[in-house]
Each structure stands twice: as C-alpha cells, then as structure tokens.
Amino acid sequence: MLATTSNCLMTTPEIHARTRLVAMFTILVAGLVLGYLASNRFSLPERFAKKIMTAVLVSFNWPIALLVIWPMQLTRQLIWLPILGLFLMLSSTALSAMLFSFLEKNRKSRLTLILAGGLSNIGYTGGAFVCYALFGTQGLAMAHIYLLICLPTFYLIYLPLLKVYELHTEKHSSKSKLNFLLDFRMLAIPAMVAAIILNLTNVKPPCFIAKLHIIDVLVYIASSLSFFAIGLQVNLSRLKNYTSLYFPLAVVKFILSPALALFMIWLLLLKGQNLTILVQRVIIVLSATPSAVLMVTMSNVFDLDGPLASALWVATMTIFAVIIVPLLFIIFT
C-alpha cells in the first residue's frame, strides 16, 4: 500500500491525472513549437536557451525538489522502487560512459551523450504518465516514489560533478573555487538537505501546497520554459547531423536499461523479495523512458553540447512516443 504523504485532505481522482496529462502534452508541443518559431522565424538567438534554462534551475528546480521530497514516505512493500530507480540511473550512466567515451567527439559532446544515456524522463512528461495511463493513480504515485533517491542523488552527486567539470575547463580564481557551494545553480542541494531533515523530523508541509496545487504550477511553468528553450535549439536540418548517435543511445535507453530492470526483478524474486505485479510493471515502464529534459538543461547551463542535447531529446522522445508507448500498452493491457 502507498503511505499517505500529508495530514492535509488530499484527493487524487482520475480526472486530475487526466488534466495533468493533457496539460503537459499541450505544454510540451506548444513550448517546442513556440521556441522553434522564435528561433527560425523571428531570429531569437539560441544563446537565450542557456539563459532560460539557468533561470529555471535557479528559480524552479529547488522548490520543486524541496516540495516533492519533503512529504514522501515509504512502506516496506515499496522500498525496492527507489533502490532500483537509483541502480538503473547509475547503471545506465556507466553503460553510456563505456559506450560513448571512445567516440571521436570532443569532451563536451561525449559528456552530453553520457548524461543523455544516464538521465531518463520518468516524471510528469514521460514515464510517470505512462504509468498513470496503464495503472491509474496508484501507478502514478509509485512513479514518484521511484524518483525518491534518484532526485537527491542527481543534485548531490551529478550536479556537483558538472560544477567540478566547469571549474576544470575554465579559468577560475581560487576565490571562485571557494564559492563553489554559493553558486545559485546549486540551490537544489541545500533544498534537498532541508527536505530530508523536515521529512525525518516529521514536520508536515502546509496544507495550502496541496490544495493550491503548488507543485503542479511550478512544474508547468518550469516545463514550459524548458520546452521553449529546447525549441530554440531545434533545427530540423541539423537533426540529421547526429543520426549516427541516435541508435546507440536508443539501445541504452530502450534495450539495455529494460534488460537490466528485468534481470534485477528476477534476481529479487529469486531471493524471496515480495515484489507485487504492479511494482514490477512500474519498474519495467520507468526503465524504458527517453532522455530527460533535465539532461538538456544541464547541457546548456554547464556549456556542454546544447544543440546535441536537444537533438537527442527529440530523437528519444519520438522513439518513445511512436514505438515504446504502444508496445507497453500491448504488453500490459
């Protein structure tokens, strides 16, 4: 069973999830189209993508991280969801590092590919809503629990490593190195620590956060800006420049990652762990998701290969929507 997340009266009728699904699909398409038009029809420079994504990171990611992690609780039956979520994220990153580190690409492009392979769209705009469509609100809730360790791991490990990379690739004074944790892009780290402390001390979030759907509002605004920034860098003629990279990335995202998930589920069942059918199915769905929007954000914010990141996101999202999602519906319905 799912643990309750707050003393506030919270209802999650199916219509709310449907509304979120329609809203996020609308935001995704509208953001990409508007960004594409702004760049290709109205000549808005692509460099604005970094400015927009930095603003999202500084203004929205930390409150979202705080408010999502703060109220979440685990029961014994669900403990393997976040553990396997973390295992698959780290394993996919390691596989991507092995696969892409030897490509004849510059370091920025290789790091972008590794991020694209390691970070997956398992939130509102990807796997979580597929879980809702297939398994209802319980599947949607389980998808959030799956993220419980992945999110702090990203902010506490991946983000600092990207910052270290930035310090090593640019000329920084000793003073700037001492200001490492004062970088406003790192605000999610203290937010995560605060969320964990509040959670462990059993301090409940204010009821208005749920009643006013504050998290939804923040996610919609952040997603709108992120998709618009991605659209700024979508150049249809340029997409063909990366066609040789789409297949190996798709192998990591849609073949190797699900295979690892199936192996881990089999291993846990063999060891006598009590994984319900629904938990197993949620893990399988979330193991076969496209590259994360966060990957594009990080690639732009930390001066990796932003155009490549946008192309990889578009390619994996297209494969996911056209091939993977119908296949999942055939298997699970």
Protein backbone atom coordinates (compact mmCIF):
# COMPACT_ATOMS: atom_id res chain seq x y z
CA MET A 1 0.00 0.00 0.00
CA LEU A 2 1.06 3.57 -0.55
CA ALA A 3 1.77 5.61 2.54
CA THR A 4 -0.08 8.85 3.00
CA THR A 5 2.03 11.92 2.37
CA SER A 6 0.35 14.57 4.49
CA ASN A 7 -2.26 15.23 7.17
CA CYS A 8 -3.99 17.54 4.73
CA LEU A 9 -7.05 16.26 2.95
CA MET A 10 -5.75 15.25 -0.47
CA THR A 11 -7.78 13.64 -3.21
CA THR A 12 -6.35 12.22 -6.43
CA PRO A 13 -9.32 11.49 -8.68
CA GLU A 14 -8.64 10.17 -12.13
CA ILE A 15 -9.78 13.45 -13.70
CA HIS A 16 -6.88 15.31 -12.04
CA ALA A 17 -4.32 12.98 -13.59
CA ARG A 18 -6.05 13.22 -16.99
CA THR A 19 -5.97 17.00 -16.70
CA ARG A 20 -2.25 16.91 -15.93
CA LEU A 21 -1.62 14.59 -18.87
CA VAL A 22 -3.47 16.86 -21.32
CA ALA A 23 -1.83 19.95 -19.81
CA MET A 24 1.68 18.55 -20.03
CA PHE A 25 1.17 17.33 -23.61
CA THR A 26 -0.12 20.79 -24.55
CA ILE A 27 2.81 22.49 -22.82
CA LEU A 28 5.31 20.17 -24.49
CA VAL A 29 4.02 20.74 -28.02
CA ALA A 30 3.34 24.46 -27.56
CA GLY A 31 6.72 25.10 -25.93
CA LEU A 32 8.67 23.30 -28.65
CA VAL A 33 6.73 24.95 -31.49
CA LEU A 34 6.98 28.45 -30.00
CA GLY A 35 10.69 28.02 -29.33
CA TYR A 36 11.28 26.71 -32.84
CA LEU A 37 9.35 29.61 -34.37
CA ALA A 38 11.09 32.17 -32.16
CA SER A 39 14.46 30.91 -33.36
CA ASN A 40 13.75 30.11 -37.01
CA ARG A 41 11.14 32.74 -37.87
CA PHE A 42 11.88 35.63 -35.52
CA SER A 43 15.66 35.14 -35.19
CA LEU A 44 15.81 34.85 -31.40
CA PRO A 45 19.42 33.78 -30.75
CA GLU A 46 19.99 30.24 -29.49
CA ARG A 47 22.16 31.60 -26.68
CA PHE A 48 18.95 32.56 -24.89
CA ALA A 49 18.36 28.84 -24.29
CA LYS A 50 21.15 28.81 -21.70
CA LYS A 51 19.79 31.94 -20.00
CA ILE A 52 16.28 30.47 -19.82
CA MET A 53 17.44 27.10 -18.51
CA THR A 54 19.69 28.74 -15.93
CA ALA A 55 16.70 30.77 -14.75
CA VAL A 56 14.67 27.55 -14.47
CA LEU A 57 17.43 25.88 -12.47
CA VAL A 58 17.79 28.83 -10.10
CA SER A 59 14.11 29.72 -9.70
CA PHE A 60 12.11 26.49 -10.03
CA ASN A 61 14.17 23.32 -9.59
CA TRP A 62 15.00 23.87 -5.93
CA PRO A 63 11.41 24.48 -4.71
CA ILE A 64 10.18 21.52 -6.79
CA ALA A 65 12.89 19.31 -5.28
CA LEU A 66 12.01 20.53 -1.77
CA LEU A 67 8.25 20.10 -2.11
CA VAL A 68 8.39 16.69 -3.82
CA ILE A 69 10.83 15.06 -1.41
CA TRP A 70 9.57 16.65 1.83
CA PRO A 71 6.25 14.79 2.27
CA MET A 72 7.09 11.44 0.68
CA GLN A 73 7.19 8.29 2.80
CA LEU A 74 7.92 4.65 2.09
CA THR A 75 6.35 1.44 3.26
CA ARG A 76 8.24 -1.84 3.30
CA GLN A 77 6.50 -3.15 0.20
CA LEU A 78 7.73 -0.19 -1.87
CA ILE A 79 11.33 0.09 -0.70
CA TRP A 80 12.68 -1.56 -3.86
CA LEU A 81 11.17 1.10 -6.15
CA PRO A 82 13.64 3.90 -5.26
CA ILE A 83 16.52 1.44 -4.82
CA LEU A 84 16.07 0.03 -8.34
CA GLY A 85 15.46 3.53 -9.67
CA LEU A 86 18.87 4.59 -8.38
CA PHE A 87 20.52 1.38 -9.58
CA LEU A 88 19.18 1.84 -13.11
CA MET A 89 20.22 5.51 -13.24
CA LEU A 90 23.77 4.71 -12.15
CA SER A 91 23.97 1.62 -14.38
CA SER A 92 22.72 3.50 -17.44
CA THR A 93 25.23 6.25 -16.78
CA ALA A 94 28.05 3.68 -16.50
CA LEU A 95 26.94 1.90 -19.69
CA SER A 96 26.77 5.24 -21.52
CA ALA A 97 30.24 6.18 -20.26
CA MET A 98 31.66 2.91 -21.59
CA LEU A 99 29.83 3.21 -24.89
CA PHE A 100 30.40 6.89 -25.66
CA SER A 101 33.76 7.69 -24.05
CA PHE A 102 35.65 6.30 -27.05
CA LEU A 103 33.73 8.13 -29.76
CA GLU A 104 35.66 10.55 -31.92
CA LYS A 105 33.83 13.50 -30.39
CA ASN A 106 35.02 16.35 -28.25
CA ARG A 107 34.69 16.06 -24.49
CA LYS A 108 31.58 18.24 -24.30
CA SER A 109 29.72 16.03 -26.78
CA ARG A 110 30.77 12.82 -25.00
CA LEU A 111 29.61 14.16 -21.63
CA THR A 112 26.32 15.20 -23.20
CA LEU A 113 25.83 11.67 -24.55
CA ILE A 114 26.63 10.17 -21.14
CA LEU A 115 24.05 12.43 -19.49
CA ALA A 116 21.51 11.56 -22.19
CA GLY A 117 22.03 7.86 -21.52
CA GLY A 118 22.04 8.15 -17.74
CA LEU A 119 19.20 10.59 -17.07
CA SER A 120 15.69 9.49 -18.04
CA ASN A 121 12.35 11.23 -18.40
CA ILE A 122 10.50 9.40 -15.63
CA GLY A 123 8.45 12.36 -14.42
CA TYR A 124 5.28 14.13 -15.49
CA THR A 125 6.28 14.37 -19.15
CA GLY A 126 7.40 10.77 -19.58
CA GLY A 127 7.26 7.53 -17.64
CA ALA A 128 5.07 8.74 -14.77
CA PHE A 129 2.16 9.49 -17.05
CA VAL A 130 2.53 6.25 -18.93
CA CYS A 131 2.27 4.55 -15.53
CA TYR A 132 -0.89 6.54 -14.87
CA ALA A 133 -2.39 5.67 -18.26
CA LEU A 134 -1.67 1.98 -17.74
CA PHE A 135 -2.16 1.53 -13.99
CA GLY A 136 -4.17 4.52 -12.73
CA THR A 137 -3.33 6.89 -9.91
CA GLN A 138 -1.56 4.16 -7.92
CA GLY A 139 0.90 3.73 -10.77
CA LEU A 140 1.43 7.50 -10.89
CA ALA A 141 2.14 7.59 -7.15
CA MET A 142 4.60 4.69 -7.45
CA ALA A 143 6.45 6.57 -10.19
CA HIS A 144 7.02 9.44 -7.75
CA ILE A 145 8.35 7.03 -5.13
CA TYR A 146 10.68 5.54 -7.79
CA LEU A 147 12.26 9.01 -8.03
CA LEU A 148 12.77 9.37 -4.29
CA ILE A 149 16.50 8.53 -4.27
CA CYS A 150 17.27 9.43 -7.90
CA LEU A 151 16.45 13.10 -7.39
CA PRO A 152 18.70 13.72 -4.37
CA THR A 153 21.45 11.61 -5.98
CA PHE A 154 21.37 13.83 -9.04
CA TYR A 155 21.56 17.04 -7.05
CA LEU A 156 24.11 15.76 -4.54
CA ILE A 157 26.41 13.89 -6.96
CA TYR A 158 25.78 14.61 -10.66
CA LEU A 159 25.32 18.37 -10.28
CA PRO A 160 28.49 18.91 -8.21
CA LEU A 161 30.45 16.79 -10.71
CA LEU A 162 29.23 19.02 -13.52
CA LYS A 163 30.32 22.03 -11.49
CA VAL A 164 33.76 20.47 -10.99
CA TYR A 165 33.96 19.88 -14.75
CA GLU A 166 33.12 23.54 -15.33
CA LEU A 167 35.84 24.67 -12.90
CA HIS A 168 38.41 22.46 -14.63
CA THR A 169 37.55 23.62 -18.15
CA GLU A 170 37.52 27.36 -17.45
CA LYS A 171 39.98 29.70 -15.81
CA HIS A 172 38.70 30.35 -12.30
CA SER A 173 40.41 32.12 -9.45
CA SER A 174 40.89 30.43 -6.09
CA LYS A 175 38.12 32.66 -4.79
CA SER A 176 35.64 31.32 -7.32
CA LYS A 177 36.54 27.76 -6.29
CA LEU A 178 35.83 28.62 -2.68
CA ASN A 179 32.45 29.94 -3.79
CA PHE A 180 31.54 26.51 -5.19
CA LEU A 181 28.52 25.99 -2.92
CA LEU A 182 27.44 29.64 -3.23
CA ASP A 183 26.66 29.12 -6.92
CA PHE A 184 22.92 29.83 -7.23
CA ARG A 185 22.60 26.93 -9.66
CA MET A 186 23.39 24.66 -6.70
CA LEU A 187 20.39 25.79 -4.62
CA ALA A 188 18.74 22.40 -5.07
CA ILE A 189 21.40 20.82 -2.83
CA PRO A 190 20.53 22.72 0.38
CA ALA A 191 16.86 22.38 -0.61
CA MET A 192 17.27 18.60 -0.74
CA VAL A 193 19.03 18.55 2.63
CA ALA A 194 16.26 20.69 4.13
CA ALA A 195 13.61 18.38 2.67
CA ILE A 196 15.26 15.30 4.17
CA ILE A 197 15.56 16.97 7.59
CA LEU A 198 11.91 18.08 7.52
CA ASN A 199 10.87 14.58 6.47
CA LEU A 200 12.87 12.82 9.18
CA THR A 201 11.62 15.19 11.88
CA ASN A 202 8.03 14.50 10.78
CA VAL A 203 7.29 18.16 10.02
CA LYS A 204 4.32 18.23 7.64
CA PRO A 205 4.10 20.59 4.64
CA PRO A 206 1.46 23.34 4.85
CA CYS A 207 -1.92 22.21 3.55
CA PHE A 208 -2.15 25.05 1.01
CA ILE A 209 0.66 23.44 -1.02
CA ALA A 210 -1.62 20.51 -1.90
CA LYS A 211 -4.87 22.49 -2.01
CA LEU A 212 -3.46 25.11 -4.41
CA HIS A 213 -1.55 22.50 -6.46
CA ILE A 214 1.67 24.49 -5.97
CA ILE A 215 3.88 21.67 -7.26
CA ASP A 216 1.81 21.36 -10.44
CA VAL A 217 2.05 25.11 -11.04
CA LEU A 218 5.83 25.10 -10.58
CA VAL A 219 6.23 22.05 -12.82
CA TYR A 220 4.07 23.56 -15.56
CA ILE A 221 5.98 26.86 -15.56
CA ALA A 222 9.40 25.18 -15.42
CA SER A 223 8.40 22.72 -18.16
CA SER A 224 7.03 25.50 -20.39
CA LEU A 225 10.27 27.45 -20.17
CA SER A 226 12.41 24.32 -20.65
CA PHE A 227 10.48 23.14 -23.72
CA PHE A 228 10.63 26.66 -25.18
CA ALA A 229 14.42 26.68 -24.66
CA ILE A 230 14.72 23.25 -26.30
CA GLY A 231 12.62 24.53 -29.21
CA LEU A 232 15.08 27.41 -29.66
CA GLN A 233 17.77 24.84 -30.43
CA VAL A 234 15.70 22.53 -32.62
CA ASN A 235 16.90 22.91 -36.18
CA LEU A 236 15.28 20.29 -38.39
CA SER A 237 18.10 20.37 -40.91
CA ARG A 238 20.64 19.99 -38.08
CA LEU A 239 18.95 16.91 -36.62
CA LYS A 240 20.43 14.82 -39.43
CA ASN A 241 23.94 15.73 -38.24
CA TYR A 242 23.54 13.38 -35.27
CA THR A 243 21.78 10.41 -36.86
CA SER A 244 24.71 8.07 -36.15
CA LEU A 245 24.26 8.70 -32.42
CA TYR A 246 20.54 8.02 -32.16
CA PHE A 247 20.76 4.24 -32.49
CA PRO A 248 23.42 3.58 -29.78
CA LEU A 249 21.59 5.91 -27.40
CA ALA A 250 18.29 4.16 -28.15
CA VAL A 251 19.97 0.82 -27.39
CA VAL A 252 20.94 2.10 -23.93
CA LYS A 253 17.56 3.69 -23.19
CA PHE A 254 15.18 1.12 -24.65
CA ILE A 255 17.04 -2.22 -24.68
CA LEU A 256 19.88 -2.37 -22.13
CA SER A 257 18.09 -0.45 -19.37
CA PRO A 258 14.88 -2.57 -19.54
CA ALA A 259 17.03 -5.71 -19.73
CA LEU A 260 18.80 -4.66 -16.52
CA ALA A 261 15.44 -3.96 -14.89
CA LEU A 262 14.11 -7.41 -15.82
CA PHE A 263 17.31 -9.05 -14.54
CA MET A 264 17.09 -7.22 -11.20
CA ILE A 265 13.40 -8.09 -10.79
CA TRP A 266 14.20 -11.76 -11.50
CA LEU A 267 17.10 -11.67 -9.04
CA LEU A 268 14.98 -10.11 -6.27
CA LEU A 269 12.17 -12.62 -6.79
CA LEU A 270 14.73 -15.42 -6.74
CA LYS A 271 15.95 -14.12 -3.36
CA GLY A 272 12.40 -14.21 -2.00
CA GLN A 273 11.63 -10.48 -2.08
CA ASN A 274 7.92 -9.63 -2.18
CA LEU A 275 7.51 -7.53 -5.32
CA THR A 276 3.90 -7.12 -6.34
CA ILE A 277 2.97 -7.38 -10.01
CA LEU A 278 2.19 -3.66 -10.09
CA VAL A 279 5.60 -2.74 -8.64
CA GLN A 280 7.29 -4.95 -11.24
CA ARG A 281 5.34 -3.35 -14.08
CA VAL A 282 6.04 0.19 -12.90
CA ILE A 283 9.77 -0.58 -12.76
CA ILE A 284 9.70 -2.00 -16.30
CA VAL A 285 7.85 1.04 -17.69
CA LEU A 286 10.19 3.51 -15.99
CA SER A 287 13.26 1.63 -17.20
CA ALA A 288 12.29 2.25 -20.84
CA THR A 289 11.94 6.03 -20.94
CA PRO A 290 13.59 8.70 -23.15
CA SER A 291 16.34 11.12 -22.20
CA ALA A 292 15.39 13.65 -19.53
CA VAL A 293 14.57 17.31 -20.07
CA LEU A 294 16.99 17.85 -17.18
CA MET A 295 19.75 16.48 -19.40
CA VAL A 296 19.13 19.29 -21.90
CA THR A 297 19.03 21.85 -19.10
CA MET A 298 22.35 20.69 -17.63
CA SER A 299 23.99 20.56 -21.06
CA ASN A 300 23.08 24.19 -21.65
CA VAL A 301 23.73 25.51 -18.17
CA PHE A 302 27.19 23.92 -17.91
CA ASP A 303 28.25 24.65 -21.51
CA LEU A 304 28.26 21.12 -22.84
CA ASP A 305 26.79 20.46 -26.31
CA GLY A 306 23.35 22.11 -26.14
CA PRO A 307 22.29 21.50 -29.77
CA LEU A 308 23.28 17.82 -29.49
CA ALA A 309 21.35 17.52 -26.21
CA SER A 310 18.20 18.95 -27.83
CA ALA A 311 18.54 16.61 -30.81
CA LEU A 312 19.00 13.57 -28.56
CA TRP A 313 15.96 14.54 -26.51
CA VAL A 314 13.80 14.97 -29.63
CA ALA A 315 15.02 11.64 -31.07
CA THR A 316 14.48 9.56 -27.93
CA MET A 317 11.15 11.24 -27.16
CA THR A 318 9.95 10.45 -30.70
CA ILE A 319 11.01 6.79 -30.42
CA PHE A 320 9.32 6.59 -27.03
CA ALA A 321 6.02 8.06 -28.25
CA VAL A 322 5.86 6.21 -31.57
CA ILE A 323 7.27 2.77 -30.67
CA ILE A 324 7.79 2.19 -26.94
CA VAL A 325 4.50 3.50 -25.55
CA PRO A 326 2.32 1.47 -27.99
CA LEU A 327 4.44 -1.60 -27.23
CA LEU A 328 3.96 -1.12 -23.48
CA PHE A 329 0.21 -0.84 -23.99
CA ILE A 330 0.21 -4.08 -25.99
CA ILE A 331 2.15 -5.88 -23.26
CA PHE A 332 0.27 -4.57 -20.21
CA THR A 333 -3.33 -4.26 -21.43
